[in-house]
């Protein structure tokens, strides 16, 4: 019986051993990739910090003014559509059931 247990243990070890080794290799590779990515992000941050000190930021106020004006126009259009809908509903009601 002990031989059967030992044989079963060896069979399981032979079956799972390569899978565990492959998983371990993949884990190490993933950790290495994450470390490289972290280093690349740090490098990019350093470059962007240098660039941000040199470059003049874009002027956003004209774009904001245009967006604000577009928002006002949209609000007026919505209000006009609501008024038109109410008038159409009133006309339809005055004409009687459809």
PDB file of N, CA and C in Angstrom:
ATOM      1  N   UNK A   1       0.826  -1.194   0.000  1.00  0.00           N
ATOM      2  CA  UNK A   1       0.000   0.000   0.000  1.00  0.00           C
ATOM      3  C   UNK A   1       0.865   1.250   0.000  1.00  0.00           C
ATOM      4  N   UNK A   2       1.977   1.190   0.750  1.00  0.00           N
ATOM      5  CA  UNK A   2       2.885   2.335   0.804  1.00  0.00           C
ATOM      6  C   UNK A   2       3.485   2.596  -0.566  1.00  0.00           C
ATOM      7  N   UNK A   3       3.720   1.504  -1.333  1.00  0.00           N
ATOM      8  CA  UNK A   3       4.257   1.668  -2.679  1.00  0.00           C
ATOM      9  C   UNK A   3       3.255   2.394  -3.581  1.00  0.00           C
ATOM     10  N   UNK A   4       1.978   2.084  -3.414  1.00  0.00           N
ATOM     11  CA  UNK A   4       0.934   2.743  -4.212  1.00  0.00           C
ATOM     12  C   UNK A   4       0.864   4.235  -3.897  1.00  0.00           C
ATOM     13  N   UNK A   5       0.965   4.582  -2.626  1.00  0.00           N
ATOM     14  CA  UNK A   5       0.917   5.993  -2.211  1.00  0.00           C
ATOM     15  C   UNK A   5       2.139   6.714  -2.753  1.00  0.00           C
ATOM     16  N   UNK A   6       3.293   6.067  -2.657  1.00  0.00           N
ATOM     17  CA  UNK A   6       4.525   6.689  -3.152  1.00  0.00           C
ATOM     18  C   UNK A   6       4.477   6.837  -4.671  1.00  0.00           C
ATOM     19  N   UNK A   7       3.959   5.844  -5.364  1.00  0.00           N
ATOM     20  CA  UNK A   7       3.819   5.910  -6.823  1.00  0.00           C
ATOM     21  C   UNK A   7       2.858   7.021  -7.216  1.00  0.00           C
ATOM     22  N   UNK A   8       1.746   7.124  -6.489  1.00  0.00           N
ATOM     23  CA  UNK A   8       0.774   8.185  -6.764  1.00  0.00           C
ATOM     24  C   UNK A   8       1.393   9.558  -6.530  1.00  0.00           C
ATOM     25  N   UNK A   9       2.148   9.692  -5.459  1.00  0.00           N
ATOM     26  CA  UNK A   9       2.805  10.960  -5.156  1.00  0.00           C
ATOM     27  C   UNK A   9       3.806  11.320  -6.252  1.00  0.00           C
ATOM     28  N   UNK A  10       4.554  10.350  -6.725  1.00  0.00           N
ATOM     29  CA  UNK A  10       5.515  10.596  -7.809  1.00  0.00           C
ATOM     30  C   UNK A  10       4.804  10.969  -9.107  1.00  0.00           C
ATOM     31  N   UNK A  11       3.696  10.263  -9.383  1.00  0.00           N
ATOM     32  CA  UNK A  11       2.930  10.573 -10.589  1.00  0.00           C
ATOM     33  C   UNK A  11       2.381  11.999 -10.540  1.00  0.00           C
ATOM     34  N   UNK A  12       1.844  12.395  -9.403  1.00  0.00           N
ATOM     35  CA  UNK A  12       1.315  13.762  -9.240  1.00  0.00           C
ATOM     36  C   UNK A  12       2.442  14.770  -9.369  1.00  0.00           C
ATOM     37  N   UNK A  13       3.589  14.468  -8.745  1.00  0.00           N
ATOM     38  CA  UNK A  13       4.741  15.353  -8.830  1.00  0.00           C
ATOM     39  C   UNK A  13       5.221  15.488 -10.271  1.00  0.00           C
ATOM     40  N   UNK A  14       5.269  14.382 -10.991  1.00  0.00           N
ATOM     41  CA  UNK A  14       5.689  14.413 -12.394  1.00  0.00           C
ATOM     42  C   UNK A  14       4.691  15.184 -13.259  1.00  0.00           C
ATOM     43  N   UNK A  15       3.423  15.099 -12.921  1.00  0.00           N
ATOM     44  CA  UNK A  15       2.390  15.791 -13.676  1.00  0.00           C
ATOM     45  C   UNK A  15       2.383  17.289 -13.379  1.00  0.00           C
ATOM     46  N   UNK A  16       2.433  17.639 -12.104  1.00  0.00           N
ATOM     47  CA  UNK A  16       2.318  19.045 -11.709  1.00  0.00           C
ATOM     48  C   UNK A  16       3.650  19.785 -11.717  1.00  0.00           C
ATOM     49  N   UNK A  17       4.749  19.075 -11.614  1.00  0.00           N
ATOM     50  CA  UNK A  17       6.065  19.714 -11.567  1.00  0.00           C
ATOM     51  C   UNK A  17       6.315  20.669 -12.722  1.00  0.00           C
ATOM     52  N   UNK A  18       6.169  20.231 -13.975  1.00  0.00           N
ATOM     53  CA  UNK A  18       6.391  21.135 -15.100  1.00  0.00           C
ATOM     54  C   UNK A  18       5.441  22.334 -15.108  1.00  0.00           C
ATOM     55  N   UNK A  19       4.215  22.115 -14.661  1.00  0.00           N
ATOM     56  CA  UNK A  19       3.245  23.218 -14.614  1.00  0.00           C
ATOM     57  C   UNK A  19       3.696  24.262 -13.595  1.00  0.00           C
ATOM     58  N   UNK A  20       4.139  23.810 -12.438  1.00  0.00           N
ATOM     59  CA  UNK A  20       4.601  24.734 -11.388  1.00  0.00           C
ATOM     60  C   UNK A  20       5.841  25.479 -11.867  1.00  0.00           C
ATOM     61  N   UNK A  21       6.753  24.785 -12.513  1.00  0.00           N
ATOM     62  CA  UNK A  21       7.969  25.436 -13.018  1.00  0.00           C
ATOM     63  C   UNK A  21       7.615  26.486 -14.067  1.00  0.00           C
ATOM     64  N   UNK A  22       6.688  26.158 -14.967  1.00  0.00           N
ATOM     65  CA  UNK A  22       6.262  27.108 -16.000  1.00  0.00           C
ATOM     66  C   UNK A  22       5.578  28.321 -15.375  1.00  0.00           C
ATOM     67  N   UNK A  23       4.725  28.092 -14.381  1.00  0.00           N
ATOM     68  CA  UNK A  23       4.070  29.206 -13.691  1.00  0.00           C
ATOM     69  C   UNK A  23       5.091  30.088 -12.997  1.00  0.00           C
ATOM     70  N   UNK A  24       6.087  29.477 -12.370  1.00  0.00           N
ATOM     71  CA  UNK A  24       7.124  30.236 -11.689  1.00  0.00           C
ATOM     72  C   UNK A  24       7.892  31.109 -12.684  1.00  0.00           C
ATOM     73  N   UNK A  25       8.220  30.551 -13.852  1.00  0.00           N
ATOM     74  CA  UNK A  25       8.909  31.329 -14.885  1.00  0.00           C
ATOM     75  C   UNK A  25       8.048  32.506 -15.335  1.00  0.00           C
ATOM     76  N   UNK A  26       6.746  32.252 -15.513  1.00  0.00           N
ATOM     77  CA  UNK A  26       5.845  33.324 -15.942  1.00  0.00           C
ATOM     78  C   UNK A  26       5.708  34.410 -14.878  1.00  0.00           C
ATOM     79  N   UNK A  27       5.691  34.013 -13.619  1.00  0.00           N
ATOM     80  CA  UNK A  27       5.610  34.990 -12.528  1.00  0.00           C
ATOM     81  C   UNK A  27       6.854  35.858 -12.502  1.00  0.00           C
ATOM     82  N   UNK A  28       8.014  35.236 -12.646  1.00  0.00           N
ATOM     83  CA  UNK A  28       9.278  35.993 -12.667  1.00  0.00           C
ATOM     84  C   UNK A  28       9.295  36.937 -13.870  1.00  0.00           C
ATOM     85  N   UNK A  29       8.847  36.461 -15.027  1.00  0.00           N
ATOM     86  CA  UNK A  29       8.821  37.302 -16.223  1.00  0.00           C
ATOM     87  C   UNK A  29       7.859  38.481 -16.036  1.00  0.00           C
ATOM     88  N   UNK A  30       6.720  38.237 -15.414  1.00  0.00           N
ATOM     89  CA  UNK A  30       5.758  39.305 -15.154  1.00  0.00           C
ATOM     90  C   UNK A  30       6.333  40.341 -14.203  1.00  0.00           C
ATOM     91  N   UNK A  31       7.001  39.883 -13.158  1.00  0.00           N
ATOM     92  CA  UNK A  31       7.625  40.817 -12.224  1.00  0.00           C
ATOM     93  C   UNK A  31       8.688  41.655 -12.921  1.00  0.00           C
ATOM     94  N   UNK A  32       9.455  41.045 -13.804  1.00  0.00           N
ATOM     95  CA  UNK A  32      10.485  41.766 -14.548  1.00  0.00           C
ATOM     96  C   UNK A  32       9.835  42.800 -15.469  1.00  0.00           C
ATOM     97  N   UNK A  33       8.756  42.412 -16.142  1.00  0.00           N
ATOM     98  CA  UNK A  33       8.048  43.347 -17.020  1.00  0.00           C
ATOM     99  C   UNK A  33       7.481  44.525 -16.241  1.00  0.00           C
ATOM    100  N   UNK A  34       6.935  44.241 -15.066  1.00  0.00           N
ATOM    101  CA  UNK A  34       6.397  45.317 -14.237  1.00  0.00           C
ATOM    102  C   UNK A  34       7.493  46.259 -13.781  1.00  0.00           C
ATOM    103  N   UNK A  35       8.652  45.731 -13.458  1.00  0.00           N
ATOM    104  CA  UNK A  35       9.775  46.566 -13.041  1.00  0.00           C
ATOM    105  C   UNK A  35      10.245  47.439 -14.208  1.00  0.00           C
ATOM    106  N   UNK A  36      10.323  46.855 -15.399  1.00  0.00           N
ATOM    107  CA  UNK A  36      10.721  47.627 -16.578  1.00  0.00           C
ATOM    108  C   UNK A  36       9.699  48.714 -16.889  1.00  0.00           C
ATOM    109  N   UNK A  37       8.422  48.378 -16.774  1.00  0.00           N
ATOM    110  CA  UNK A  37       7.370  49.362 -16.999  1.00  0.00           C
ATOM    111  C   UNK A  37       7.458  50.494 -15.987  1.00  0.00           C
ATOM    112  N   UNK A  38       7.702  50.151 -14.740  1.00  0.00           N
ATOM    113  CA  UNK A  38       7.839  51.163 -13.696  1.00  0.00           C
ATOM    114  C   UNK A  38       9.009  52.102 -13.999  1.00  0.00           C
ATOM    115  N   UNK A  39      10.124  51.535 -14.433  1.00  0.00           N
ATOM    116  CA  UNK A  39      11.283  52.354 -14.780  1.00  0.00           C
ATOM    117  C   UNK A  39      10.979  53.255 -15.976  1.00  0.00           C
ATOM    118  N   UNK A  40      10.257  52.735 -16.949  1.00  0.00           N
ATOM    119  CA  UNK A  40       9.903  53.528 -18.125  1.00  0.00           C
ATOM    120  C   UNK A  40       8.962  54.665 -17.748  1.00  0.00           C
ATOM    121  N   UNK A  41       8.029  54.386 -16.863  1.00  0.00           N
ATOM    122  CA  UNK A  41       7.113  55.438 -16.400  1.00  0.00           C
ATOM    123  C   UNK A  41       7.886  56.526 -15.672  1.00  0.00           C
ATOM    124  N   UNK A  42       8.818  56.133 -14.826  1.00  0.00           N
ATOM    125  CA  UNK A  42       9.649  57.119 -14.117  1.00  0.00           C
ATOM    126  C   UNK A  42      10.454  57.956 -15.102  1.00  0.00           C
ATOM    127  N   UNK A  43      10.978  57.327 -16.151  1.00  0.00           N
ATOM    128  CA  UNK A  43      11.753  58.060 -17.161  1.00  0.00           C
ATOM    129  C   UNK A  43      10.856  59.061 -17.887  1.00  0.00           C
ATOM    130  N   UNK A  44       9.659  58.635 -18.255  1.00  0.00           N
ATOM    131  CA  UNK A  44       8.736  59.528 -18.940  1.00  0.00           C
ATOM    132  C   UNK A  44       8.310  60.697 -18.058  1.00  0.00           C
ATOM    133  N   UNK A  45       8.085  60.418 -16.795  1.00  0.00           N
ATOM    134  CA  UNK A  45       7.722  61.491 -15.860  1.00  0.00           C
ATOM    135  C   UNK A  45       8.843  62.518 -15.787  1.00  0.00           C
ATOM    136  N   UNK A  46      10.077  62.041 -15.695  1.00  0.00           N
ATOM    137  CA  UNK A  46      11.223  62.961 -15.624  1.00  0.00           C
ATOM    138  C   UNK A  46      11.305  63.806 -16.895  1.00  0.00           C
ATOM    139  N   UNK A  47      11.097  63.190 -18.057  1.00  0.00           N
ATOM    140  CA  UNK A  47      11.141  63.944 -19.312  1.00  0.00           C
ATOM    141  C   UNK A  47      10.010  64.952 -19.391  1.00  0.00           C
ATOM    142  N   UNK A  48       8.831  64.560 -18.975  1.00  0.00           N
ATOM    143  CA  UNK A  48       7.696  65.478 -19.016  1.00  0.00           C
ATOM    144  C   UNK A  48       7.880  66.638 -18.055  1.00  0.00           C
ATOM    145  N   UNK A  49       8.485  66.385 -16.911  1.00  0.00           N
ATOM    146  CA  UNK A  49       8.744  67.474 -15.967  1.00  0.00           C
ATOM    147  C   UNK A  49       9.691  68.496 -16.576  1.00  0.00           C
ATOM    148  N   UNK A  50      10.713  68.026 -17.272  1.00  0.00           N
ATOM    149  CA  UNK A  50      11.641  68.943 -17.949  1.00  0.00           C
ATOM    150  C   UNK A  50      10.900  69.713 -19.025  1.00  0.00           C
ATOM    151  N   UNK A  51      10.084  69.014 -19.802  1.00  0.00           N
ATOM    152  CA  UNK A  51       9.338  69.647 -20.880  1.00  0.00           C
ATOM    153  C   UNK A  51       8.335  70.658 -20.349  1.00  0.00           C
ATOM    154  N   UNK A  52       7.679  70.319 -19.255  1.00  0.00           N
ATOM    155  CA  UNK A  52       6.662  71.228 -18.709  1.00  0.00           C
ATOM    156  C   UNK A  52       7.287  72.517 -18.193  1.00  0.00           C
ATOM    157  N   UNK A  53       8.538  72.461 -17.761  1.00  0.00           N
ATOM    158  CA  UNK A  53       9.226  73.672 -17.324  1.00  0.00           C
ATOM    159  C   UNK A  53       9.614  74.543 -18.513  1.00  0.00           C
ATOM    160  N   UNK A  54       9.814  73.933 -19.673  1.00  0.00           N
ATOM    161  CA  UNK A  54      10.255  74.669 -20.866  1.00  0.00           C
ATOM    162  C   UNK A  54       9.068  75.213 -21.635  1.00  0.00           C
ATOM    163  N   UNK A  55       8.053  74.411 -21.826  1.00  0.00           N
ATOM    164  CA  UNK A  55       6.933  74.745 -22.703  1.00  0.00           C
ATOM    165  C   UNK A  55       5.971  75.714 -22.038  1.00  0.00           C
ATOM    166  N   UNK A  56       5.390  76.563 -22.882  1.00  0.00           N
ATOM    167  CA  UNK A  56       4.351  77.476 -22.407  1.00  0.00           C
ATOM    168  C   UNK A  56       3.017  76.745 -22.491  1.00  0.00           C
ATOM    169  N   UNK A  57       2.252  76.751 -21.426  1.00  0.00           N
ATOM    170  CA  UNK A  57       0.979  76.029 -21.462  1.00  0.00           C
ATOM    171  C   UNK A  57       0.032  76.661 -22.491  1.00  0.00           C
ATOM    172  N   UNK A  58      -0.806  75.873 -23.107  1.00  0.00           N
ATOM    173  CA  UNK A  58      -1.733  76.421 -24.104  1.00  0.00           C
ATOM    174  C   UNK A  58      -2.757  77.330 -23.438  1.00  0.00           C
ATOM    175  N   UNK A  59      -3.205  78.288 -24.190  1.00  0.00           N
ATOM    176  CA  UNK A  59      -4.225  79.197 -23.682  1.00  0.00           C
ATOM    177  C   UNK A  59      -5.572  78.517 -23.809  1.00  0.00           C
ATOM    178  N   UNK A  60      -6.209  78.311 -22.691  1.00  0.00           N
ATOM    179  CA  UNK A  60      -7.476  77.591 -22.675  1.00  0.00           C
ATOM    180  C   UNK A  60      -8.684  78.511 -22.637  1.00  0.00           C
ATOM    181  N   UNK A  61      -8.490  79.761 -22.262  1.00  0.00           N
ATOM    182  CA  UNK A  61      -9.635  80.653 -22.089  1.00  0.00           C
ATOM    183  C   UNK A  61     -10.453  80.825 -23.356  1.00  0.00           C
ATOM    184  N   UNK A  62      -9.833  81.001 -24.546  1.00  0.00           N
ATOM    185  CA  UNK A  62     -10.671  81.116 -25.745  1.00  0.00           C
ATOM    186  C   UNK A  62     -11.540  79.873 -25.973  1.00  0.00           C
ATOM    187  N   UNK A  63     -10.978  78.699 -25.735  1.00  0.00           N
ATOM    188  CA  UNK A  63     -11.757  77.467 -25.902  1.00  0.00           C
ATOM    189  C   UNK A  63     -12.869  77.393 -24.868  1.00  0.00           C
ATOM    190  N   UNK A  64     -12.574  77.793 -23.641  1.00  0.00           N
ATOM    191  CA  UNK A  64     -13.598  77.789 -22.598  1.00  0.00           C
ATOM    192  C   UNK A  64     -14.716  78.763 -22.937  1.00  0.00           C
ATOM    193  N   UNK A  65     -14.347  79.949 -23.477  1.00  0.00           N
ATOM    194  CA  UNK A  65     -15.361  80.930 -23.868  1.00  0.00           C
ATOM    195  C   UNK A  65     -16.267  80.375 -24.964  1.00  0.00           C
ATOM    196  N   UNK A  66     -15.659  79.699 -25.943  1.00  0.00           N
ATOM    197  CA  UNK A  66     -16.457  79.100 -27.022  1.00  0.00           C
ATOM    198  C   UNK A  66     -17.388  78.023 -26.484  1.00  0.00           C
ATOM    199  N   UNK A  67     -16.889  77.199 -25.574  1.00  0.00           N
ATOM    200  CA  UNK A  67     -17.727  76.158 -24.987  1.00  0.00           C
ATOM    201  C   UNK A  67     -18.873  76.744 -24.181  1.00  0.00           C
ATOM    202  N   UNK A  68     -18.591  77.809 -23.434  1.00  0.00           N
ATOM    203  CA  UNK A  68     -19.633  78.462 -22.642  1.00  0.00           C
ATOM    204  C   UNK A  68     -20.697  79.043 -23.554  1.00  0.00           C
ATOM    205  N   UNK A  69     -20.266  79.675 -24.644  1.00  0.00           N
ATOM    206  CA  UNK A  69     -21.218  80.241 -25.603  1.00  0.00           C
ATOM    207  C   UNK A  69     -22.046  79.142 -26.264  1.00  0.00           C
ATOM    208  N   UNK A  70     -21.404  78.027 -26.617  1.00  0.00           N
ATOM    209  CA  UNK A  70     -22.128  76.905 -27.218  1.00  0.00           C
ATOM    210  C   UNK A  70     -23.144  76.332 -26.233  1.00  0.00           C
ATOM    211  N   UNK A  71     -22.770  76.280 -24.957  1.00  0.00           N
ATOM    212  CA  UNK A  71     -23.691  75.777 -23.932  1.00  0.00           C
ATOM    213  C   UNK A  71     -24.915  76.686 -23.815  1.00  0.00           C
ATOM    214  N   UNK A  72     -24.698  78.001 -23.857  1.00  0.00           N
ATOM    215  CA  UNK A  72     -25.818  78.945 -23.793  1.00  0.00           C
ATOM    216  C   UNK A  72     -26.739  78.773 -24.992  1.00  0.00           C
ATOM    217  N   UNK A  73     -26.140  78.641 -26.180  1.00  0.00           N
ATOM    218  CA  UNK A  73     -26.942  78.458 -27.387  1.00  0.00           C
ATOM    219  C   UNK A  73     -27.742  77.161 -27.317  1.00  0.00           C
ATOM    220  N   UNK A  74     -27.133  76.125 -26.797  1.00  0.00           N
ATOM    221  CA  UNK A  74     -27.821  74.841 -26.671  1.00  0.00           C
ATOM    222  C   UNK A  74     -28.979  74.961 -25.687  1.00  0.00           C
ATOM    223  N   UNK A  75     -28.760  75.654 -24.580  1.00  0.00           N
ATOM    224  CA  UNK A  75     -29.825  75.837 -23.594  1.00  0.00           C
ATOM    225  C   UNK A  75     -30.985  76.619 -24.207  1.00  0.00           C
ATOM    226  N   UNK A  76     -30.676  77.645 -24.995  1.00  0.00           N
ATOM    227  CA  UNK A  76     -31.733  78.422 -25.654  1.00  0.00           C
ATOM    228  C   UNK A  76     -32.485  77.572 -26.668  1.00  0.00           C
ATOM    229  N   UNK A  77     -31.762  76.735 -27.411  1.00  0.00           N
ATOM    230  CA  UNK A  77     -32.405  75.858 -28.391  1.00  0.00           C
ATOM    231  C   UNK A  77     -33.325  74.861 -27.700  1.00  0.00           C
ATOM    232  N   UNK A  78     -32.883  74.312 -26.586  1.00  0.00           N
ATOM    233  CA  UNK A  78     -33.717  73.367 -25.832  1.00  0.00           C
ATOM    234  C   UNK A  78     -34.968  74.061 -25.315  1.00  0.00           C
ATOM    235  N   UNK A  79     -34.805  75.285 -24.809  1.00  0.00           N
ATOM    236  CA  UNK A  79     -35.948  76.051 -24.306  1.00  0.00           C
ATOM    237  C   UNK A  79     -36.937  76.329 -25.429  1.00  0.00           C
ATOM    238  N   UNK A  80     -36.442  76.697 -26.601  1.00  0.00           N
ATOM    239  CA  UNK A  80     -37.303  76.963 -27.753  1.00  0.00           C
ATOM    240  C   UNK A  80     -38.039  75.696 -28.191  1.00  0.00           C
ATOM    241  N   UNK A  81     -37.348  74.570 -28.188  1.00  0.00           N
ATOM    242  CA  UNK A  81     -37.983  73.298 -28.547  1.00  0.00           C
ATOM    243  C   UNK A  81     -39.072  72.922 -27.544  1.00  0.00           C
ATOM    244  N   UNK A  82     -38.827  73.170 -26.280  1.00  0.00           N
ATOM    245  CA  UNK A  82     -39.847  72.878 -25.261  1.00  0.00           C
ATOM    246  C   UNK A  82     -41.075  73.754 -25.461  1.00  0.00           C
ATOM    247  N   UNK A  83     -40.857  75.048 -25.753  1.00  0.00           N
ATOM    248  CA  UNK A  83     -41.978  75.948 -26.001  1.00  0.00           C
ATOM    249  C   UNK A  83     -42.769  75.510 -27.226  1.00  0.00           C
ATOM    250  N   UNK A  84     -42.053  75.117 -28.268  1.00  0.00           N
ATOM    251  CA  UNK A  84     -42.707  74.655 -29.493  1.00  0.00           C
ATOM    252  C   UNK A  84     -43.522  73.395 -29.224  1.00  0.00           C
ATOM    253  N   UNK A  85     -42.969  72.478 -28.444  1.00  0.00           N
ATOM    254  CA  UNK A  85     -43.680  71.249 -28.103  1.00  0.00           C
ATOM    255  C   UNK A  85     -44.951  71.563 -27.327  1.00  0.00           C
ATOM    256  N   UNK A  86     -44.863  72.484 -26.355  1.00  0.00           N
ATOM    257  CA  UNK A  86     -46.056  72.862 -25.596  1.00  0.00           C
ATOM    258  C   UNK A  86     -47.122  73.478 -26.511  1.00  0.00           C
ATOM    259  N   UNK A  87     -46.705  74.333 -27.428  1.00  0.00           N
ATOM    260  CA  UNK A  87     -47.671  74.953 -28.352  1.00  0.00           C
ATOM    261  C   UNK A  87     -48.320  73.906 -29.255  1.00  0.00           C
ATOM    262  N   UNK A  88     -47.501  72.966 -29.735  1.00  0.00           N
ATOM    263  CA  UNK A  88     -48.044  71.898 -30.578  1.00  0.00           C
ATOM    264  C   UNK A  88     -49.036  71.043 -29.795  1.00  0.00           C
ATOM    265  N   UNK A  89     -48.715  70.762 -28.534  1.00  0.00           N
ATOM    266  CA  UNK A  89     -49.633  69.994 -27.692  1.00  0.00           C
ATOM    267  C   UNK A  89     -50.936  70.767 -27.484  1.00  0.00           C
ATOM    268  N   UNK A  90     -50.826  72.076 -27.281  1.00  0.00           N
ATOM    269  CA  UNK A  90     -52.025  72.895 -27.081  1.00  0.00           C
ATOM    270  C   UNK A  90     -52.873  72.921 -28.340  1.00  0.00           C
ATOM    271  N   UNK A  91     -52.254  73.049 -29.498  1.00  0.00           N
ATOM    272  CA  UNK A  91     -52.996  73.066 -30.757  1.00  0.00           C
ATOM    273  C   UNK A  91     -53.685  71.714 -30.963  1.00  0.00           C
ATOM    274  N   UNK A  92     -52.931  70.649 -30.689  1.00  0.00           N
ATOM    275  CA  UNK A  92     -53.515  69.316 -30.862  1.00  0.00           C
ATOM    276  C   UNK A  92     -54.696  69.100 -29.913  1.00  0.00           C
ATOM    277  N   UNK A  93     -54.577  69.593 -28.692  1.00  0.00           N
ATOM    278  CA  UNK A  93     -55.680  69.468 -27.728  1.00  0.00           C
ATOM    279  C   UNK A  93     -56.894  70.258 -28.165  1.00  0.00           C
ATOM    280  N   UNK A  94     -56.664  71.449 -28.712  1.00  0.00           N
ATOM    281  CA  UNK A  94     -57.795  72.283 -29.137  1.00  0.00           C
ATOM    282  C   UNK A  94     -58.508  71.700 -30.355  1.00  0.00           C
ATOM    283  N   UNK A  95     -57.818  70.908 -31.155  1.00  0.00           N
ATOM    284  CA  UNK A  95     -58.442  70.294 -32.323  1.00  0.00           C
ATOM    285  C   UNK A  95     -59.286  69.102 -31.946  1.00  0.00           C
ATOM    286  N   UNK A  96     -59.165  68.635 -30.746  1.00  0.00           N
ATOM    287  CA  UNK A  96     -59.970  67.513 -30.296  1.00  0.00           C
ATOM    288  C   UNK A  96     -59.205  66.196 -30.394  1.00  0.00           C
ATOM    289  N   UNK A  97     -59.920  65.115 -30.060  1.00  0.00           N
ATOM    290  CA  UNK A  97     -59.258  63.793 -30.074  1.00  0.00           C
ATOM    291  C   UNK A  97     -58.813  63.421 -31.486  1.00  0.00           C
ATOM    292  N   UNK A  98     -57.712  62.736 -31.532  1.00  0.00           N
ATOM    293  CA  UNK A  98     -57.152  62.320 -32.832  1.00  0.00           C
ATOM    294  C   UNK A  98     -57.896  61.149 -33.376  1.00  0.00           C
TER     295      UNK A  98
END
